[in-house]
Protein backbone atom coordinates (compact mmCIF):
# COMPACT_ATOMS: atom_id res chain seq x y z
CA MET A 1 111.18 -80.77 -58.58
CA GLU A 2 111.29 -77.68 -60.79
CA ASP A 3 110.95 -79.75 -63.93
CA GLU A 4 107.77 -81.30 -62.42
CA SER A 5 106.39 -77.85 -61.76
CA ILE A 6 107.12 -76.72 -65.29
CA LEU A 7 105.41 -79.81 -66.74
CA ASN A 8 102.44 -79.21 -64.49
CA ILE A 9 102.15 -75.56 -65.65
CA TYR A 10 102.58 -76.76 -69.33
CA ALA A 11 99.77 -79.23 -68.80
CA LYS A 12 97.58 -76.53 -67.31
CA GLY A 13 98.29 -74.39 -70.30
CA GLU A 14 97.22 -77.19 -72.63
CA GLN A 15 94.06 -77.65 -70.51
CA LEU A 16 93.26 -73.98 -70.89
CA LEU A 17 93.79 -74.32 -74.63
CA ASP A 18 91.57 -77.34 -74.79
CA VAL A 19 88.72 -75.53 -72.95
CA THR A 20 89.10 -72.49 -75.19
CA GLN A 21 88.87 -74.59 -78.27
CA ALA A 22 85.70 -76.23 -76.83
CA MET A 23 84.37 -72.77 -76.19
CA LEU A 24 84.87 -71.95 -79.90
CA ALA A 25 83.13 -75.16 -80.92
CA ALA A 26 80.20 -74.36 -78.64
CA ALA A 27 79.98 -70.77 -79.98
CA THR A 28 80.15 -72.12 -83.59
CA ALA A 29 77.27 -74.57 -82.80
CA ASP A 30 75.28 -71.77 -81.14
CA ASP A 31 75.37 -73.64 -77.90
CA TRP A 32 75.58 -70.63 -75.61
CA ASP A 33 74.76 -72.54 -72.42
CA GLU A 34 77.72 -74.83 -72.99
CA PHE A 35 79.85 -71.79 -73.94
CA GLU A 36 79.00 -70.08 -70.71
CA SER A 37 79.75 -73.07 -68.73
CA LEU A 38 83.09 -73.60 -70.41
CA GLU A 39 83.89 -69.89 -70.00
CA GLN A 40 83.32 -70.04 -66.21
CA ARG A 41 85.50 -73.17 -66.03
CA ARG A 42 88.27 -71.44 -67.93
CA ARG A 43 88.03 -68.41 -65.67
CA ILE A 44 88.59 -70.57 -62.60
CA MET A 45 91.45 -72.23 -64.26
CA LEU A 46 93.11 -68.86 -65.07
CA GLU A 47 92.65 -67.71 -61.59
CA THR A 48 94.20 -70.95 -60.25
CA ILE A 49 97.19 -70.59 -62.44
CA PHE A 50 97.89 -66.85 -62.22
CA ASP A 51 96.99 -66.24 -58.64
CA ASN A 52 99.52 -68.80 -57.43
CA PRO A 53 101.96 -66.98 -55.29
CA THR A 54 104.53 -69.73 -55.54
CA MET A 55 104.86 -69.61 -59.29
CA ASP A 56 107.89 -67.62 -60.49
CA GLU A 57 108.01 -65.65 -63.68
CA SER A 58 110.18 -68.14 -65.48
CA THR A 59 107.52 -70.85 -64.91
CA LYS A 60 104.76 -68.54 -66.12
CA LEU A 61 106.78 -67.99 -69.36
CA ASN A 62 106.00 -71.60 -70.26
CA LEU A 63 102.38 -70.42 -70.78
CA VAL A 64 103.23 -67.88 -73.38
CA ASP A 65 102.61 -70.05 -76.41
CA PRO A 66 99.29 -71.51 -75.19
CA ILE A 67 98.10 -68.05 -74.15
CA LYS A 68 98.96 -66.67 -77.60
CA GLU A 69 96.93 -69.46 -79.15
CA ILE A 70 94.11 -68.82 -76.72
CA GLN A 71 94.16 -65.13 -77.82
CA LEU A 72 93.75 -66.11 -81.41
CA ILE A 73 90.78 -68.33 -80.60
CA ASP A 74 89.25 -65.57 -78.40
CA LYS A 75 89.37 -63.34 -81.44
CA ALA A 76 87.45 -65.88 -83.46
CA ILE A 77 84.90 -66.27 -80.65
CA SER A 78 84.59 -62.48 -80.48
CA ASP A 79 83.88 -62.43 -84.18
CA LEU A 80 81.25 -65.08 -83.81
CA ILE A 81 79.60 -63.17 -80.94
CA THR A 82 79.52 -59.94 -83.01
CA GLN A 83 77.98 -61.79 -85.93
CA GLN A 84 75.36 -63.25 -83.50
CA ARG A 85 74.60 -59.88 -82.08
CA ASP A 86 74.22 -58.29 -85.50
CA GLN A 87 71.92 -61.14 -86.62
CA ALA A 88 69.81 -60.72 -83.51
CA ALA A 89 69.57 -56.99 -84.05
CA GLU A 90 68.50 -57.59 -87.65
CA GLU A 91 65.86 -60.04 -86.54
CA LEU A 92 64.62 -57.55 -83.92
CA ARG A 93 64.26 -54.85 -86.65
CA HIS A 94 62.27 -57.25 -88.77
CA LEU A 95 60.00 -58.11 -85.78
CA LYS A 96 59.42 -54.45 -84.97
CA HIS A 97 58.59 -53.65 -88.66
CA ALA A 98 56.20 -56.62 -88.73
CA HIS A 99 54.58 -55.48 -85.47
CA GLU A 100 54.15 -51.96 -86.85
CA GLY A 101 52.63 -53.35 -90.07
CA ASN A 102 50.29 -55.51 -87.98
CA LYS A 103 49.33 -52.55 -85.81
CA ALA A 104 48.63 -50.38 -88.83
CA TYR A 105 46.49 -53.15 -90.38
CA ARG A 106 44.45 -53.45 -87.10
CA ILE A 107 43.87 -49.72 -86.96
CA ALA A 108 42.78 -49.61 -90.70
CA ALA A 109 40.45 -52.61 -90.06
CA ASP A 110 38.80 -50.91 -87.06
CA GLU A 111 37.90 -47.84 -89.23
């Protein structure tokens, strides 16, 4: 019975890893709606696994390797999000500059 429980936990760890890899793929493809959907799914999976009062510590240790991999992928996702944020900020600066130029042109044209 314990072996079955360990296999089940290992399978859940692999599912978490699969969802996290799909999150990275969605982020890379700029599909943020899909990313958010996957992130919510992963959060529920994590809660289901780690809020299980019947799971002992030795069983949770079977999740160490998948969790380490998930952390590496999360770092890559974080880097992509930072890149997107910086790019959006740069585009906003360009839009503000263009708006200011347009406003100055309108004022000069009215004079």
